[in-house]
PDB file of N, CA and C in Angstrom:
ATOM      1  N   UNK A   1      -1.035 -20.049  -4.961  1.00  0.00           N
ATOM      2  CA  UNK A   1      -1.446 -18.444  -5.687  1.00  0.00           C
ATOM      3  C   UNK A   1      -1.711 -18.189  -7.040  1.00  0.00           C
ATOM      4  N   UNK A   2      -0.626 -18.363  -7.848  1.00  0.00           N
ATOM      5  CA  UNK A   2      -1.064 -18.832  -8.655  1.00  0.00           C
ATOM      6  C   UNK A   2      -2.270 -19.463  -9.675  1.00  0.00           C
ATOM      7  N   UNK A   3      -2.010 -20.809  -8.158  1.00  0.00           N
ATOM      8  CA  UNK A   3      -3.187 -21.675  -9.332  1.00  0.00           C
ATOM      9  C   UNK A   3      -4.601 -21.322  -8.615  1.00  0.00           C
ATOM     10  N   UNK A   4      -4.520 -20.578  -7.768  1.00  0.00           N
ATOM     11  CA  UNK A   4      -5.903 -19.862  -6.888  1.00  0.00           C
ATOM     12  C   UNK A   4      -6.348 -18.955  -8.188  1.00  0.00           C
ATOM     13  N   UNK A   5      -5.689 -17.973  -8.248  1.00  0.00           N
ATOM     14  CA  UNK A   5      -5.301 -17.217 -10.456  1.00  0.00           C
ATOM     15  C   UNK A   5      -5.643 -17.741 -10.988  1.00  0.00           C
ATOM     16  N   UNK A   6      -5.413 -18.756 -11.711  1.00  0.00           N
ATOM     17  CA  UNK A   6      -6.183 -19.438 -12.352  1.00  0.00           C
ATOM     18  C   UNK A   6      -7.780 -20.086 -12.538  1.00  0.00           C
ATOM     19  N   UNK A   7      -7.621 -20.553 -11.372  1.00  0.00           N
ATOM     20  CA  UNK A   7      -8.938 -20.804 -11.384  1.00  0.00           C
ATOM     21  C   UNK A   7     -10.541 -19.462 -10.893  1.00  0.00           C
ATOM     22  N   UNK A   8      -9.501 -18.317 -10.628  1.00  0.00           N
ATOM     23  CA  UNK A   8     -10.395 -17.294  -9.991  1.00  0.00           C
ATOM     24  C   UNK A   8      -9.387 -15.773  -9.672  1.00  0.00           C
ATOM     25  N   UNK A   9      -9.558 -15.637 -11.061  1.00  0.00           N
ATOM     26  CA  UNK A   9      -9.150 -14.536 -11.673  1.00  0.00           C
ATOM     27  C   UNK A   9      -9.095 -13.123 -10.760  1.00  0.00           C
ATOM     28  N   UNK A  10     -10.174 -12.973 -10.660  1.00  0.00           N
ATOM     29  CA  UNK A  10     -10.253 -12.077  -9.865  1.00  0.00           C
ATOM     30  C   UNK A  10     -10.218 -12.100  -8.326  1.00  0.00           C
ATOM     31  N   UNK A  11      -9.964 -12.983  -7.404  1.00  0.00           N
ATOM     32  CA  UNK A  11      -9.769 -13.439  -6.191  1.00  0.00           C
ATOM     33  C   UNK A  11      -8.935 -11.986  -5.528  1.00  0.00           C
ATOM     34  N   UNK A  12      -9.532 -11.286  -4.848  1.00  0.00           N
ATOM     35  CA  UNK A  12      -8.619 -10.106  -4.365  1.00  0.00           C
ATOM     36  C   UNK A  12      -7.697 -10.567  -3.146  1.00  0.00           C
ATOM     37  N   UNK A  13      -7.516 -11.659  -2.708  1.00  0.00           N
ATOM     38  CA  UNK A  13      -6.885 -12.069  -1.835  1.00  0.00           C
ATOM     39  C   UNK A  13      -5.187 -12.888  -2.116  1.00  0.00           C
ATOM     40  N   UNK A  14      -5.448 -13.259  -3.235  1.00  0.00           N
ATOM     41  CA  UNK A  14      -4.117 -13.751  -3.892  1.00  0.00           C
ATOM     42  C   UNK A  14      -3.645 -12.647  -5.060  1.00  0.00           C
ATOM     43  N   UNK A  15      -4.503 -11.798  -5.448  1.00  0.00           N
ATOM     44  CA  UNK A  15      -3.691 -11.146  -5.998  1.00  0.00           C
ATOM     45  C   UNK A  15      -3.146 -10.094  -4.954  1.00  0.00           C
ATOM     46  N   UNK A  16      -3.796  -9.785  -3.847  1.00  0.00           N
ATOM     47  CA  UNK A  16      -2.674  -8.528  -2.862  1.00  0.00           C
ATOM     48  C   UNK A  16      -1.659  -9.560  -2.561  1.00  0.00           C
ATOM     49  N   UNK A  17      -1.594 -11.125  -2.197  1.00  0.00           N
ATOM     50  CA  UNK A  17      -0.780 -11.579  -1.859  1.00  0.00           C
ATOM     51  C   UNK A  17       0.701 -11.444  -2.693  1.00  0.00           C
ATOM     52  N   UNK A  18       0.547 -11.889  -4.194  1.00  0.00           N
ATOM     53  CA  UNK A  18       1.162 -11.899  -5.401  1.00  0.00           C
ATOM     54  C   UNK A  18       1.952 -10.636  -5.345  1.00  0.00           C
ATOM     55  N   UNK A  19       0.943  -9.503  -4.805  1.00  0.00           N
ATOM     56  CA  UNK A  19       1.913  -7.667  -5.064  1.00  0.00           C
ATOM     57  C   UNK A  19       2.955  -7.369  -3.905  1.00  0.00           C
ATOM     58  N   UNK A  20       2.649  -8.715  -2.529  1.00  0.00           N
ATOM     59  CA  UNK A  20       3.453  -8.906  -1.464  1.00  0.00           C
ATOM     60  C   UNK A  20       4.511 -10.054  -1.998  1.00  0.00           C
ATOM     61  N   UNK A  21       4.716 -10.576  -2.845  1.00  0.00           N
ATOM     62  CA  UNK A  21       5.494 -11.517  -3.365  1.00  0.00           C
ATOM     63  C   UNK A  21       6.593 -10.671  -4.239  1.00  0.00           C
ATOM     64  N   UNK A  22       5.665 -10.103  -4.838  1.00  0.00           N
ATOM     65  CA  UNK A  22       6.533  -9.203  -6.185  1.00  0.00           C
ATOM     66  C   UNK A  22       7.364  -8.116  -5.297  1.00  0.00           C
ATOM     67  N   UNK A  23       6.714  -7.575  -4.216  1.00  0.00           N
ATOM     68  CA  UNK A  23       7.375  -6.362  -3.307  1.00  0.00           C
ATOM     69  C   UNK A  23       8.919  -6.993  -3.160  1.00  0.00           C
ATOM     70  N   UNK A  24       8.479  -8.416  -2.428  1.00  0.00           N
ATOM     71  CA  UNK A  24       9.765  -8.755  -1.754  1.00  0.00           C
ATOM     72  C   UNK A  24      11.080  -9.409  -2.432  1.00  0.00           C
ATOM     73  N   UNK A  25      10.800  -9.588  -3.733  1.00  0.00           N
ATOM     74  CA  UNK A  25      11.539  -9.669  -4.940  1.00  0.00           C
ATOM     75  C   UNK A  25      11.808  -8.700  -5.542  1.00  0.00           C
ATOM     76  N   UNK A  26      11.339  -7.333  -5.125  1.00  0.00           N
ATOM     77  CA  UNK A  26      12.267  -6.290  -5.451  1.00  0.00           C
ATOM     78  C   UNK A  26      11.649  -5.602  -6.765  1.00  0.00           C
ATOM     79  N   UNK A  27      10.321  -6.230  -7.086  1.00  0.00           N
ATOM     80  CA  UNK A  27       9.747  -6.025  -8.316  1.00  0.00           C
ATOM     81  C   UNK A  27       8.706  -4.988  -7.729  1.00  0.00           C
ATOM     82  N   UNK A  28       8.857  -3.831  -7.245  1.00  0.00           N
ATOM     83  CA  UNK A  28       7.907  -2.675  -6.440  1.00  0.00           C
ATOM     84  C   UNK A  28       7.311  -2.104  -7.411  1.00  0.00           C
ATOM     85  N   UNK A  29       7.391  -1.616  -8.358  1.00  0.00           N
ATOM     86  CA  UNK A  29       6.679  -1.213  -9.371  1.00  0.00           C
ATOM     87  C   UNK A  29       5.449  -2.058  -9.988  1.00  0.00           C
ATOM     88  N   UNK A  30       5.902  -3.076 -10.539  1.00  0.00           N
ATOM     89  CA  UNK A  30       5.019  -4.828 -10.575  1.00  0.00           C
ATOM     90  C   UNK A  30       4.197  -4.688  -9.111  1.00  0.00           C
ATOM     91  N   UNK A  31       4.214  -4.577  -7.915  1.00  0.00           N
ATOM     92  CA  UNK A  31       4.084  -4.780  -6.831  1.00  0.00           C
ATOM     93  C   UNK A  31       2.584  -3.555  -6.959  1.00  0.00           C
ATOM     94  N   UNK A  32       2.855  -2.427  -7.349  1.00  0.00           N
ATOM     95  CA  UNK A  32       2.176  -1.064  -7.039  1.00  0.00           C
ATOM     96  C   UNK A  32       1.103  -1.174  -8.156  1.00  0.00           C
ATOM     97  N   UNK A  33       1.754  -2.154  -9.267  1.00  0.00           N
ATOM     98  CA  UNK A  33       0.422  -2.112 -10.337  1.00  0.00           C
ATOM     99  C   UNK A  33      -0.963  -2.850 -10.035  1.00  0.00           C
ATOM    100  N   UNK A  34      -0.819  -3.537  -8.504  1.00  0.00           N
ATOM    101  CA  UNK A  34      -2.063  -4.352  -8.350  1.00  0.00           C
ATOM    102  C   UNK A  34      -2.689  -3.343  -7.734  1.00  0.00           C
ATOM    103  N   UNK A  35      -4.467  -4.231  -8.223  1.00  0.00           N
ATOM    104  CA  UNK A  35      -5.340  -2.857  -8.339  1.00  0.00           C
ATOM    105  C   UNK A  35      -5.792  -2.695  -6.715  1.00  0.00           C
ATOM    106  N   UNK A  36      -5.903  -1.807  -6.063  1.00  0.00           N
ATOM    107  CA  UNK A  36      -6.273  -2.227  -4.479  1.00  0.00           C
ATOM    108  C   UNK A  36      -7.818  -2.318  -4.504  1.00  0.00           C
ATOM    109  N   UNK A  37      -8.510  -3.222  -4.471  1.00  0.00           N
ATOM    110  CA  UNK A  37     -10.133  -3.714  -3.942  1.00  0.00           C
ATOM    111  C   UNK A  37     -10.155  -4.124  -2.777  1.00  0.00           C
ATOM    112  N   UNK A  38      -9.158  -3.979  -2.105  1.00  0.00           N
ATOM    113  CA  UNK A  38      -8.954  -4.884  -1.082  1.00  0.00           C
ATOM    114  C   UNK A  38      -8.578  -4.376  -0.005  1.00  0.00           C
ATOM    115  N   UNK A  39      -9.140  -4.392   1.464  1.00  0.00           N
ATOM    116  CA  UNK A  39      -8.383  -3.534   2.344  1.00  0.00           C
ATOM    117  C   UNK A  39      -6.465  -3.943   2.637  1.00  0.00           C
ATOM    118  N   UNK A  40      -6.607  -5.375   2.718  1.00  0.00           N
ATOM    119  CA  UNK A  40      -5.129  -5.338   2.724  1.00  0.00           C
ATOM    120  C   UNK A  40      -4.326  -4.864   1.591  1.00  0.00           C
ATOM    121  N   UNK A  41      -4.690  -4.678   0.689  1.00  0.00           N
ATOM    122  CA  UNK A  41      -3.905  -4.175  -0.451  1.00  0.00           C
ATOM    123  C   UNK A  41      -3.326  -2.705  -0.346  1.00  0.00           C
ATOM    124  N   UNK A  42      -4.628  -2.086   0.285  1.00  0.00           N
ATOM    125  CA  UNK A  42      -4.525  -0.612   0.814  1.00  0.00           C
ATOM    126  C   UNK A  42      -3.185  -0.286   1.376  1.00  0.00           C
ATOM    127  N   UNK A  43      -3.496  -1.375   2.932  1.00  0.00           N
ATOM    128  CA  UNK A  43      -2.284  -1.014   3.504  1.00  0.00           C
ATOM    129  C   UNK A  43      -0.616  -1.502   2.933  1.00  0.00           C
ATOM    130  N   UNK A  44      -0.276  -3.018   2.148  1.00  0.00           N
ATOM    131  CA  UNK A  44       0.318  -2.877   1.223  1.00  0.00           C
ATOM    132  C   UNK A  44       0.910  -1.715   0.388  1.00  0.00           C
ATOM    133  N   UNK A  45      -0.046  -1.246  -0.292  1.00  0.00           N
ATOM    134  CA  UNK A  45       0.379  -0.284  -0.929  1.00  0.00           C
ATOM    135  C   UNK A  45       0.666   0.927  -0.462  1.00  0.00           C
ATOM    136  N   UNK A  46       0.735   1.400   0.762  1.00  0.00           N
ATOM    137  CA  UNK A  46       1.434   2.366   2.034  1.00  0.00           C
ATOM    138  C   UNK A  46       2.873   2.036   2.234  1.00  0.00           C
ATOM    139  N   UNK A  47       2.723   0.687   2.064  1.00  0.00           N
ATOM    140  CA  UNK A  47       4.455   0.015   2.713  1.00  0.00           C
ATOM    141  C   UNK A  47       4.967   0.552   1.585  1.00  0.00           C
ATOM    142  N   UNK A  48       4.800  -0.256   0.163  1.00  0.00           N
ATOM    143  CA  UNK A  48       5.814  -0.581  -0.576  1.00  0.00           C
ATOM    144  C   UNK A  48       5.756   1.460  -1.204  1.00  0.00           C
ATOM    145  N   UNK A  49       5.211   2.081  -1.388  1.00  0.00           N
ATOM    146  CA  UNK A  49       5.327   2.971  -1.744  1.00  0.00           C
ATOM    147  C   UNK A  49       6.188   3.957  -0.497  1.00  0.00           C
ATOM    148  N   UNK A  50       6.264   3.687   1.086  1.00  0.00           N
ATOM    149  CA  UNK A  50       6.833   4.353   1.818  1.00  0.00           C
ATOM    150  C   UNK A  50       8.763   3.678   2.039  1.00  0.00           C
ATOM    151  N   UNK A  51       8.277   2.427   1.906  1.00  0.00           N
ATOM    152  CA  UNK A  51       9.488   1.943   2.148  1.00  0.00           C
ATOM    153  C   UNK A  51      10.245   1.384   0.594  1.00  0.00           C
ATOM    154  N   UNK A  52       9.582   0.820  -0.192  1.00  0.00           N
ATOM    155  CA  UNK A  52       9.950   0.650  -1.508  1.00  0.00           C
ATOM    156  C   UNK A  52      10.404   1.454  -2.147  1.00  0.00           C
ATOM    157  N   UNK A  53       9.350   2.850  -2.627  1.00  0.00           N
ATOM    158  CA  UNK A  53       9.643   3.757  -3.315  1.00  0.00           C
ATOM    159  C   UNK A  53       9.957   4.864  -3.050  1.00  0.00           C
ATOM    160  N   UNK A  54       9.681   5.210  -1.791  1.00  0.00           N
ATOM    161  CA  UNK A  54      10.272   6.437  -0.730  1.00  0.00           C
ATOM    162  C   UNK A  54       9.401   7.455  -1.259  1.00  0.00           C
ATOM    163  N   UNK A  55       8.091   7.105  -1.971  1.00  0.00           N
ATOM    164  CA  UNK A  55       7.609   8.664  -2.298  1.00  0.00           C
ATOM    165  C   UNK A  55       6.500   8.500  -1.441  1.00  0.00           C
ATOM    166  N   UNK A  56       6.605   9.709  -0.617  1.00  0.00           N
ATOM    167  CA  UNK A  56       5.995   9.960   0.543  1.00  0.00           C
ATOM    168  C   UNK A  56       4.927  10.859   0.389  1.00  0.00           C
ATOM    169  N   UNK A  57       4.494  11.434  -0.740  1.00  0.00           N
ATOM    170  CA  UNK A  57       3.227  11.975  -1.368  1.00  0.00           C
ATOM    171  C   UNK A  57       2.138  11.244  -1.331  1.00  0.00           C
ATOM    172  N   UNK A  58       2.709  10.278  -2.146  1.00  0.00           N
ATOM    173  CA  UNK A  58       1.452   9.027  -2.498  1.00  0.00           C
ATOM    174  C   UNK A  58       1.589   7.783  -1.457  1.00  0.00           C
ATOM    175  N   UNK A  59       2.757   7.913  -0.414  1.00  0.00           N
ATOM    176  CA  UNK A  59       2.381   7.171   0.549  1.00  0.00           C
ATOM    177  C   UNK A  59       1.198   7.812   1.297  1.00  0.00           C
ATOM    178  N   UNK A  60       0.936   8.799   1.422  1.00  0.00           N
ATOM    179  CA  UNK A  60       0.164  10.019   2.477  1.00  0.00           C
ATOM    180  C   UNK A  60      -1.730   9.612   1.756  1.00  0.00           C
ATOM    181  N   UNK A  61      -1.440   9.269   0.650  1.00  0.00           N
ATOM    182  CA  UNK A  61      -2.256   9.098  -0.129  1.00  0.00           C
ATOM    183  C   UNK A  61      -3.176   7.401  -0.069  1.00  0.00           C
ATOM    184  N   UNK A  62      -2.150   6.685  -0.020  1.00  0.00           N
ATOM    185  CA  UNK A  62      -2.948   5.610   0.437  1.00  0.00           C
ATOM    186  C   UNK A  62      -2.930   5.202   1.463  1.00  0.00           C
ATOM    187  N   UNK A  63      -2.651   5.956   2.316  1.00  0.00           N
ATOM    188  CA  UNK A  63      -2.822   5.376   3.799  1.00  0.00           C
ATOM    189  C   UNK A  63      -4.014   5.999   3.857  1.00  0.00           C
ATOM    190  N   UNK A  64      -4.256   7.554   3.584  1.00  0.00           N
ATOM    191  CA  UNK A  64      -5.740   7.559   3.450  1.00  0.00           C
ATOM    192  C   UNK A  64      -6.588   6.815   2.733  1.00  0.00           C
ATOM    193  N   UNK A  65      -6.491   5.827   1.873  1.00  0.00           N
ATOM    194  CA  UNK A  65      -7.345   5.304   1.062  1.00  0.00           C
ATOM    195  C   UNK A  65      -7.734   3.990   1.885  1.00  0.00           C
ATOM    196  N   UNK A  66      -6.390   3.689   2.986  1.00  0.00           N
ATOM    197  CA  UNK A  66      -6.869   2.500   3.660  1.00  0.00           C
ATOM    198  C   UNK A  66      -7.587   3.061   4.942  1.00  0.00           C
ATOM    199  N   UNK A  67      -7.295   4.634   5.442  1.00  0.00           N
ATOM    200  CA  UNK A  67      -8.448   4.976   6.471  1.00  0.00           C
ATOM    201  C   UNK A  67      -9.389   4.731   5.888  1.00  0.00           C
ATOM    202  N   UNK A  68      -9.978   5.122   4.580  1.00  0.00           N
ATOM    203  CA  UNK A  68     -11.229   5.281   4.321  1.00  0.00           C
ATOM    204  C   UNK A  68     -11.984   4.342   4.545  1.00  0.00           C
ATOM    205  N   UNK A  69     -11.645   2.929   4.060  1.00  0.00           N
ATOM    206  CA  UNK A  69     -12.137   1.416   4.148  1.00  0.00           C
ATOM    207  C   UNK A  69     -11.859   1.088   5.655  1.00  0.00           C
ATOM    208  N   UNK A  70     -11.133   1.703   6.334  1.00  0.00           N
ATOM    209  CA  UNK A  70     -10.475   0.553   7.980  1.00  0.00           C
ATOM    210  C   UNK A  70     -10.234   1.770   8.769  1.00  0.00           C
ATOM    211  N   UNK A  71     -11.352   2.654   9.200  1.00  0.00           N
ATOM    212  CA  UNK A  71     -11.282   4.259  10.032  1.00  0.00           C
ATOM    213  C   UNK A  71     -10.642   3.466  11.363  1.00  0.00           C
ATOM    214  N   UNK A  72     -10.546   2.645  12.314  1.00  0.00           N
ATOM    215  CA  UNK A  72     -10.529   2.310  13.734  1.00  0.00           C
ATOM    216  C   UNK A  72      -9.937   1.353  13.448  1.00  0.00           C
ATOM    217  N   UNK A  73      -9.067   1.007  14.530  1.00  0.00           N
ATOM    218  CA  UNK A  73      -8.789   0.061  14.738  1.00  0.00           C
ATOM    219  C   UNK A  73      -6.954  -0.135  14.979  1.00  0.00           C
ATOM    220  N   UNK A  74      -6.176  -1.113  15.173  1.00  0.00           N
ATOM    221  CA  UNK A  74      -5.247  -1.244  15.366  1.00  0.00           C
ATOM    222  C   UNK A  74      -4.245  -1.220  14.290  1.00  0.00           C
ATOM    223  N   UNK A  75      -5.023  -1.691  12.882  1.00  0.00           N
ATOM    224  CA  UNK A  75      -4.262  -1.344  11.369  1.00  0.00           C
ATOM    225  C   UNK A  75      -4.491  -0.198  11.158  1.00  0.00           C
ATOM    226  N   UNK A  76      -5.861   0.668  11.558  1.00  0.00           N
ATOM    227  CA  UNK A  76      -5.390   1.994  10.958  1.00  0.00           C
ATOM    228  C   UNK A  76      -4.530   3.137  12.160  1.00  0.00           C
ATOM    229  N   UNK A  77      -4.429   2.837  13.332  1.00  0.00           N
ATOM    230  CA  UNK A  77      -3.587   3.548  14.275  1.00  0.00           C
ATOM    231  C   UNK A  77      -1.896   3.112  13.677  1.00  0.00           C
ATOM    232  N   UNK A  78      -1.829   2.206  12.952  1.00  0.00           N
ATOM    233  CA  UNK A  78      -0.297   2.071  12.204  1.00  0.00           C
ATOM    234  C   UNK A  78      -0.202   2.419  10.801  1.00  0.00           C
ATOM    235  N   UNK A  79      -1.615   2.417  10.304  1.00  0.00           N
ATOM    236  CA  UNK A  79      -1.071   3.197   8.919  1.00  0.00           C
ATOM    237  C   UNK A  79      -1.039   5.195   9.447  1.00  0.00           C
ATOM    238  N   UNK A  80      -1.895   5.240  10.814  1.00  0.00           N
ATOM    239  CA  UNK A  80      -1.771   6.543  10.415  1.00  0.00           C
ATOM    240  C   UNK A  80      -0.114   7.189  11.207  1.00  0.00           C
ATOM    241  N   UNK A  81       0.700   6.344  11.772  1.00  0.00           N
ATOM    242  CA  UNK A  81       1.935   6.426  12.269  1.00  0.00           C
ATOM    243  C   UNK A  81       2.693   6.570  11.038  1.00  0.00           C
ATOM    244  N   UNK A  82       2.293   5.661  10.170  1.00  0.00           N
ATOM    245  CA  UNK A  82       3.300   5.565   8.900  1.00  0.00           C
ATOM    246  C   UNK A  82       2.976   6.983   7.858  1.00  0.00           C
ATOM    247  N   UNK A  83       1.670   7.378   7.896  1.00  0.00           N
ATOM    248  CA  UNK A  83       1.142   8.362   7.306  1.00  0.00           C
ATOM    249  C   UNK A  83       1.546   9.722   7.940  1.00  0.00           C
ATOM    250  N   UNK A  84       1.848   9.501   9.047  1.00  0.00           N
ATOM    251  CA  UNK A  84       2.559  11.027  10.110  1.00  0.00           C
ATOM    252  C   UNK A  84       3.747  10.839   9.695  1.00  0.00           C
ATOM    253  N   UNK A  85       4.588   9.479   9.460  1.00  0.00           N
ATOM    254  CA  UNK A  85       6.135   9.712   9.180  1.00  0.00           C
ATOM    255  C   UNK A  85       6.029   9.907   7.792  1.00  0.00           C
ATOM    256  N   UNK A  86       5.462   9.951   6.741  1.00  0.00           N
ATOM    257  CA  UNK A  86       5.299  10.182   5.401  1.00  0.00           C
ATOM    258  C   UNK A  86       5.053  11.688   5.049  1.00  0.00           C
ATOM    259  N   UNK A  87       4.442  12.288   6.030  1.00  0.00           N
ATOM    260  CA  UNK A  87       3.695  13.513   5.856  1.00  0.00           C
ATOM    261  C   UNK A  87       5.030  14.452   6.702  1.00  0.00           C
ATOM    262  N   UNK A  88       5.981  13.808   7.486  1.00  0.00           N
ATOM    263  CA  UNK A  88       7.002  14.446   8.010  1.00  0.00           C
ATOM    264  C   UNK A  88       8.072  14.789   7.041  1.00  0.00           C
ATOM    265  N   UNK A  89       8.122  13.410   6.253  1.00  0.00           N
ATOM    266  CA  UNK A  89       9.125  13.469   5.366  1.00  0.00           C
ATOM    267  C   UNK A  89       8.964  14.611   3.873  1.00  0.00           C
ATOM    268  N   UNK A  90       7.132  14.668   3.951  1.00  0.00           N
ATOM    269  CA  UNK A  90       6.958  15.297   2.457  1.00  0.00           C
ATOM    270  C   UNK A  90       7.298  17.142   3.282  1.00  0.00           C
ATOM    271  N   UNK A  91       7.291  17.128   4.718  1.00  0.00           N
ATOM    272  CA  UNK A  91       7.477  18.712   4.765  1.00  0.00           C
ATOM    273  C   UNK A  91       8.935  18.817   5.136  1.00  0.00           C
ATOM    274  N   UNK A  92       9.846  18.057   5.407  1.00  0.00           N
ATOM    275  CA  UNK A  92      11.581  18.355   5.410  1.00  0.00           C
ATOM    276  C   UNK A  92      12.062  17.898   4.289  1.00  0.00           C
ATOM    277  N   UNK A  93      11.332  17.270   2.894  1.00  0.00           N
ATOM    278  CA  UNK A  93      11.950  17.712   1.596  1.00  0.00           C
ATOM    279  C   UNK A  93      11.075  18.697   1.063  1.00  0.00           C
ATOM    280  N   UNK A  94      10.239  19.455   1.381  1.00  0.00           N
ATOM    281  CA  UNK A  94       9.453  20.244   0.441  1.00  0.00           C
ATOM    282  C   UNK A  94       8.641  19.779  -0.311  1.00  0.00           C
ATOM    283  N   UNK A  95       8.074  18.749  -0.512  1.00  0.00           N
ATOM    284  CA  UNK A  95       7.067  18.370  -1.277  1.00  0.00           C
ATOM    285  C   UNK A  95       5.452  18.661  -0.764  1.00  0.00           C
ATOM    286  N   UNK A  96       4.376  18.933  -1.237  1.00  0.00           N
ATOM    287  CA  UNK A  96       3.287  18.734  -0.662  1.00  0.00           C
ATOM    288  C   UNK A  96       2.356  17.658  -1.183  1.00  0.00           C
ATOM    289  N   UNK A  97       2.158  16.337  -0.393  1.00  0.00           N
ATOM    290  CA  UNK A  97       1.098  15.564  -0.971  1.00  0.00           C
ATOM    291  C   UNK A  97      -0.508  16.347  -1.693  1.00  0.00           C
ATOM    292  N   UNK A  98      -0.856  15.317  -2.443  1.00  0.00           N
ATOM    293  CA  UNK A  98      -1.498  16.142  -3.520  1.00  0.00           C
ATOM    294  C   UNK A  98      -3.031  15.575  -2.566  1.00  0.00           C
TER     295      UNK A  98
END
């Protein structure tokens, strides 16, 4: 991955997967700094925010961004379920998503 980025510093797939590696290493803040310009990055971002940061309002925003680029299909259904869980947490915790 790093060798791909050395040759192609704007390779969105390599950048996105670098974010996944950072997340697995529990470097969530670094993973979240990856700019999501690729549909898979939006999905990862929603996951990192929900499971890694427990930031449910931000999870809703990230899930909405994913659904803008992938409004239909099984991945959209999965992110819709995650968004629903995040909204439940927001309601329960008393915070409102922006």
